[in-house]
Structures are given as C-alpha cells and as structure tokens.
Amino acid sequence: MFVLILFCFKVAKELTHRGDELRQLGWSQQDVFRYIDLWDYRQRWGAINLEREDRQFLRKAESALPEIKSSKTSIKKPLKEKSYYCRLSFFLQEMIKAESAFDLSEGAKGIWIILLEEELRSIDYFQPVLGLPDALKSKLLIPFRENLISILLKQFSDNIQMFELDFDHLLKSAKSTQSKTWKPLREGISESIKSYPILDSKCVPECRKVIRNEVIPMIRNTFPSLVDKDIVSPADDWIPDS
C-alpha cells in the first residue's frame, strides 16, 4: 500500500517528461529519445524493472535538468502589517486621541508622540524585517525611550506642561485579536507611569531634531536584520509613503 501511494504521488508530481529541456541543453536527439522512453517506462512500471545502465542514464539526464521550483509563492507581509509596526502605530493613535481631550495651546505636542513618530519614520525608511530576532532586540528600545524622555524633560523643562496618561491601560481599547499578545509600551516601568509631558509649539521642531538624531542610529544598530545593510540616513525632509 505504501509503495502504491508513493508511486501515485510521483506520477502526479511529474505529469510529463522534460525532453525539450534536454534538447535546449545540447543533448543529442538520440539521447533525448532514450530519456523519454526510459522516463515513460519508469512511470508505468517503476525504476526497479530498468536495467542498471538505463537507471544510471536516467539519473544523469535528470541531474542535468534545472530544479523545478515550487508553484507555491511565499507572500511577504507588508511592513505596516507586521505586529511590531501595528503595535507602535496603535499607541501613537491612542496618544493622539488622548491629547485631543487635553486643554492644549495651538501646536503643542506630546514628547511621546514625537518619539513614536520618529521611530516609525526610521522603520519605514530602513525597512527591517521585524521578525523574531528583531522583535527580541526591540526590547532594548524600552529603556532607550525612557532615558531619552528623561533627557528631554531636563533640556526643555521651561517649555513643558505635565498631564496624566495611564500608559498601562491604553491597550484596553484595542479590539483586534493581534493586540491580545501586545505588551504595554512602557513594560516594566512603574516610576511616574502616568506622567505625560506636553511641549510648547515653539520647541517642537528642536525636540524632534534631538529625538531624530538619537532614534535613527538606535533603529539601525539594534535590529539584526539591518546589521549588514549599508544604508545612509534619511534626509531631514524625507517623508514615508502613506
């Protein structure tokens, strides 16, 4: 029974000989005809009934043929559909919604929003794979973000207004199945977890420049899929495709 199933599978896989390909490779008409006859015989009665010399000839012919590529094509998921990218985008949108409820002066913006915008911009530019190796290394971005926020709080202390935002509860509004596996943005960070700094409009460009200068090398040097890629940094006016 097993031999029969295996034989049927082979017949289904090889529905026709490849004599024309041997001709294109320069094989003589006589050898091509011999290959076709032996191929047909094997399909009908099995290779075990062939003479040793014929089996060797058939193997030689088939080894000369290029490998048949699988008809299945792997579909590469777009960058913006990767879980890591979707997670950052979700937190960014939740912060934007939260800020709309704050009493802010025109043009004022949260430092966290600028940080996530720049992180996503760098990812859009460098195009990391965002597979498991990248995801594991991305944990280094948690302390990186916290340290950068601390530096910015000191640098722009005279132009910051503090609000409150419960970072740990942002995921509650997510309804997708994918979001059930997402971790909080500030996972493991408990100190001042609700502090949410808003920057005056006049300092937003300068703050963005500081963040960009830190985020670009961090993204490029953190994700393993980017290690061997020699990519210059994006120009200041580079904008990702929508």
Protein backbone atom coordinates (compact mmCIF):
# COMPACT_ATOMS: atom_id res chain seq x y z
CA MET A 1 0.00 0.00 0.00
CA PHE A 2 2.79 2.46 0.92
CA VAL A 3 4.67 1.71 -2.33
CA LEU A 4 1.49 2.28 -4.34
CA ILE A 5 0.79 5.62 -2.65
CA LEU A 6 4.40 6.74 -3.19
CA PHE A 7 4.26 5.73 -6.86
CA CYS A 8 0.97 7.59 -7.41
CA PHE A 9 2.40 10.70 -5.76
CA LYS A 10 5.41 10.61 -8.07
CA VAL A 11 3.21 10.26 -11.15
CA ALA A 12 1.07 13.18 -10.00
CA LYS A 13 4.14 15.30 -9.40
CA GLU A 14 5.76 14.54 -12.80
CA LEU A 15 2.97 14.68 -15.35
CA THR A 16 5.27 14.82 -18.36
CA HIS A 17 8.87 14.27 -19.37
CA ARG A 18 11.32 17.15 -19.88
CA GLY A 19 12.86 16.12 -23.18
CA ASP A 20 12.55 19.59 -24.68
CA GLU A 21 14.67 21.00 -21.87
CA LEU A 22 17.40 18.42 -22.56
CA ARG A 23 17.41 19.47 -26.24
CA GLN A 24 17.90 23.09 -25.14
CA LEU A 25 20.83 21.92 -23.00
CA GLY A 26 22.50 20.45 -26.12
CA TRP A 27 21.66 16.77 -25.72
CA SER A 28 21.52 14.75 -28.96
CA GLN A 29 18.19 13.69 -30.46
CA GLN A 30 19.07 10.06 -29.82
CA ASP A 31 19.77 10.65 -26.11
CA VAL A 32 16.60 12.70 -25.74
CA PHE A 33 14.51 9.91 -27.27
CA ARG A 34 16.18 7.38 -24.96
CA TYR A 35 15.44 9.58 -21.95
CA ILE A 36 11.77 9.91 -22.98
CA ASP A 37 11.38 6.15 -23.45
CA LEU A 38 13.02 5.38 -20.11
CA TRP A 39 11.02 8.09 -18.32
CA ASP A 40 7.76 6.70 -19.73
CA TYR A 41 8.74 3.14 -18.80
CA ARG A 42 9.56 4.17 -15.21
CA GLN A 43 6.24 5.96 -14.88
CA ARG A 44 4.39 2.85 -15.97
CA TRP A 45 6.37 0.04 -14.35
CA GLY A 46 8.79 1.60 -11.88
CA ALA A 47 12.56 2.11 -11.94
CA ILE A 48 13.22 -1.31 -10.37
CA ASN A 49 12.44 -3.00 -13.69
CA LEU A 50 15.02 -0.95 -15.61
CA GLU A 51 18.48 -2.20 -16.39
CA ARG A 52 21.26 -0.74 -14.22
CA GLU A 53 22.74 1.11 -17.20
CA ASP A 54 19.34 2.61 -18.04
CA ARG A 55 18.77 3.75 -14.47
CA GLN A 56 22.18 5.44 -14.48
CA PHE A 57 21.38 7.17 -17.77
CA LEU A 58 18.04 8.38 -16.43
CA ARG A 59 19.67 9.75 -13.28
CA LYS A 60 22.30 11.51 -15.39
CA ALA A 61 19.63 13.14 -17.54
CA GLU A 62 17.57 14.30 -14.58
CA SER A 63 20.58 15.65 -12.73
CA ALA A 64 21.35 17.79 -15.78
CA LEU A 65 17.88 19.36 -15.69
CA PRO A 66 17.32 22.53 -13.61
CA GLU A 67 15.40 22.08 -10.39
CA ILE A 68 11.67 22.65 -10.68
CA LYS A 69 10.68 25.49 -8.40
CA SER A 70 7.64 25.04 -6.23
CA SER A 71 4.47 26.65 -7.55
CA LYS A 72 3.81 27.99 -4.09
CA THR A 73 4.98 31.55 -3.65
CA SER A 74 5.59 33.00 -0.25
CA ILE A 75 3.65 36.17 0.34
CA LYS A 76 5.69 38.71 2.21
CA LYS A 77 3.63 40.63 4.70
CA PRO A 78 3.92 44.40 4.18
CA LEU A 79 5.92 46.26 6.81
CA LYS A 80 2.90 48.21 8.02
CA GLU A 81 1.07 44.93 8.73
CA LYS A 82 3.83 43.49 10.93
CA SER A 83 2.81 43.14 14.58
CA TYR A 84 5.60 45.38 15.89
CA TYR A 85 4.73 48.18 13.48
CA CYS A 86 0.99 47.87 14.19
CA ARG A 87 1.66 47.99 17.93
CA LEU A 88 3.63 51.25 17.73
CA SER A 89 1.03 52.75 15.40
CA PHE A 90 -1.71 51.80 17.84
CA PHE A 91 -0.01 53.52 20.79
CA LEU A 92 0.65 56.58 18.65
CA GLN A 93 -3.00 56.87 17.66
CA GLU A 94 -4.17 56.35 21.24
CA MET A 95 -1.93 59.17 22.43
CA ILE A 96 -3.20 61.44 19.68
CA LYS A 97 -6.77 60.73 20.81
CA ALA A 98 -5.84 61.33 24.45
CA GLU A 99 -4.23 64.68 23.63
CA SER A 100 -7.35 65.83 21.82
CA ALA A 101 -9.08 65.82 25.21
CA PHE A 102 -6.39 67.95 26.86
CA ASP A 103 -6.60 71.72 27.09
CA LEU A 104 -3.57 72.50 24.93
CA SER A 105 -2.30 75.63 23.26
CA GLU A 106 -2.19 75.56 19.47
CA GLY A 107 0.69 73.48 18.11
CA ALA A 108 1.61 71.96 21.48
CA LYS A 109 2.53 68.28 21.23
CA GLY A 110 3.37 65.37 23.47
CA ILE A 111 7.01 64.28 23.55
CA TRP A 112 5.92 60.65 23.42
CA ILE A 113 4.05 61.30 20.16
CA ILE A 114 7.11 62.88 18.58
CA LEU A 115 9.22 59.94 19.74
CA LEU A 116 6.90 57.31 18.25
CA GLU A 117 6.51 59.29 15.03
CA GLU A 118 10.28 59.34 14.61
CA GLU A 119 10.62 55.67 15.49
CA LEU A 120 8.04 54.69 12.88
CA ARG A 121 9.64 57.02 10.35
CA SER A 122 13.02 55.30 10.83
CA ILE A 123 11.40 51.87 10.47
CA ASP A 124 9.65 53.00 7.27
CA TYR A 125 12.97 54.17 5.90
CA PHE A 126 15.30 51.32 6.89
CA GLN A 127 12.71 48.56 6.32
CA PRO A 128 13.81 45.99 8.93
CA VAL A 129 12.33 42.51 8.64
CA LEU A 130 10.67 42.79 12.07
CA GLY A 131 10.77 39.02 12.51
CA LEU A 132 11.55 37.24 15.78
CA PRO A 133 15.24 38.33 16.00
CA ASP A 134 14.23 41.97 15.53
CA ALA A 135 11.36 41.62 17.99
CA LEU A 136 13.66 40.24 20.67
CA LYS A 137 16.19 43.02 20.23
CA SER A 138 13.44 45.65 20.20
CA LYS A 139 13.19 45.26 23.99
CA LEU A 140 16.28 47.45 24.14
CA LEU A 141 14.10 50.31 22.94
CA ILE A 142 12.15 50.34 26.22
CA PRO A 143 15.00 51.72 28.37
CA PHE A 144 16.19 53.77 25.39
CA ARG A 145 12.86 55.61 25.21
CA GLU A 146 12.75 56.17 28.96
CA ASN A 147 16.28 57.56 29.03
CA LEU A 148 15.63 59.84 26.05
CA ILE A 149 12.41 61.16 27.60
CA SER A 150 14.32 61.94 30.81
CA ILE A 151 16.95 63.88 28.86
CA LEU A 152 14.28 65.85 27.00
CA LEU A 153 12.43 66.68 30.22
CA LYS A 154 15.56 68.35 31.53
CA GLN A 155 16.50 70.01 28.24
CA PHE A 156 13.05 71.54 27.66
CA SER A 157 11.94 71.85 31.28
CA ASP A 158 10.88 75.50 30.88
CA ASN A 159 8.62 74.69 27.96
CA ILE A 160 6.84 71.56 29.21
CA GLN A 161 3.39 71.18 30.70
CA MET A 162 2.65 67.94 32.54
CA PHE A 163 -0.55 65.96 32.05
CA GLU A 164 -1.52 62.44 33.10
CA LEU A 165 -1.97 59.43 30.88
CA ASP A 166 -2.34 55.84 32.08
CA PHE A 167 0.02 54.04 29.71
CA ASP A 168 -0.84 50.61 31.11
CA HIS A 169 -4.50 50.97 30.18
CA LEU A 170 -4.03 52.09 26.59
CA LEU A 171 -4.32 48.52 25.34
CA LYS A 172 -7.81 48.15 26.77
CA SER A 173 -9.28 49.95 23.78
CA ALA A 174 -7.65 47.58 21.30
CA LYS A 175 -10.14 45.11 19.90
CA SER A 176 -8.09 43.13 17.37
CA THR A 177 -7.03 39.54 18.04
CA GLN A 178 -3.44 40.55 17.32
CA SER A 179 -3.41 43.11 20.14
CA LYS A 180 -4.03 40.41 22.75
CA THR A 181 -0.35 39.46 22.54
CA TRP A 182 0.94 43.03 22.66
CA LYS A 183 2.86 44.27 25.67
CA PRO A 184 2.43 47.74 27.21
CA LEU A 185 4.59 50.41 25.65
CA ARG A 186 6.40 51.03 28.94
CA GLU A 187 6.52 47.42 30.10
CA GLY A 188 8.31 47.07 33.43
CA ILE A 189 8.42 50.83 34.01
CA SER A 190 6.45 51.90 37.08
CA GLU A 191 8.04 55.19 38.12
CA SER A 192 5.96 58.21 37.02
CA ILE A 193 4.00 55.90 34.77
CA LYS A 194 1.20 58.45 34.32
CA SER A 195 3.37 61.50 33.70
CA TYR A 196 2.73 62.77 30.19
CA PRO A 197 4.82 65.78 29.08
CA ILE A 198 3.43 68.22 26.51
CA LEU A 199 5.84 70.52 24.71
CA ASP A 200 5.16 74.12 23.65
CA SER A 201 4.78 74.52 19.90
CA LYS A 202 7.90 76.69 19.57
CA CYS A 203 10.10 73.85 20.89
CA VAL A 204 8.58 71.00 18.86
CA PRO A 205 10.98 71.31 15.86
CA GLU A 206 14.07 71.39 18.07
CA CYS A 207 12.81 68.49 20.17
CA ARG A 208 12.07 66.47 17.06
CA LYS A 209 15.60 67.09 15.80
CA VAL A 210 17.10 65.82 19.06
CA ILE A 211 14.88 62.73 19.01
CA ARG A 212 15.63 62.02 15.35
CA ASN A 213 19.37 62.18 15.90
CA GLU A 214 19.06 59.56 18.65
CA VAL A 215 16.40 57.30 17.11
CA ILE A 216 17.95 56.81 13.66
CA PRO A 217 21.21 55.17 14.86
CA MET A 218 19.31 53.25 17.54
CA ILE A 219 17.00 51.63 15.00
CA ARG A 220 19.79 50.98 12.51
CA ASN A 221 22.08 49.37 15.09
CA THR A 222 19.50 47.47 17.15
CA PHE A 223 17.60 45.33 14.65
CA PRO A 224 19.66 42.31 13.47
CA SER A 225 18.06 42.43 10.00
CA LEU A 226 19.73 45.82 9.42
CA VAL A 227 23.22 44.96 10.63
CA ASP A 228 24.67 44.08 7.22
CA LYS A 229 22.78 46.74 5.28
CA ASP A 230 24.78 49.77 4.24
CA ILE A 231 22.03 52.40 4.14
CA VAL A 232 22.63 56.11 4.52
CA SER A 233 20.44 58.01 6.96
CA PRO A 234 17.27 59.60 5.58
CA ALA A 235 17.34 63.26 4.62
CA ASP A 236 15.59 65.62 7.02
CA ASP A 237 12.82 66.23 4.51
CA TRP A 238 12.21 62.53 3.83
CA ILE A 239 8.58 61.55 4.38
CA PRO A 240 7.30 57.94 4.31
CA ASP A 241 4.76 56.97 1.68
CA SER A 242 1.28 56.98 3.13
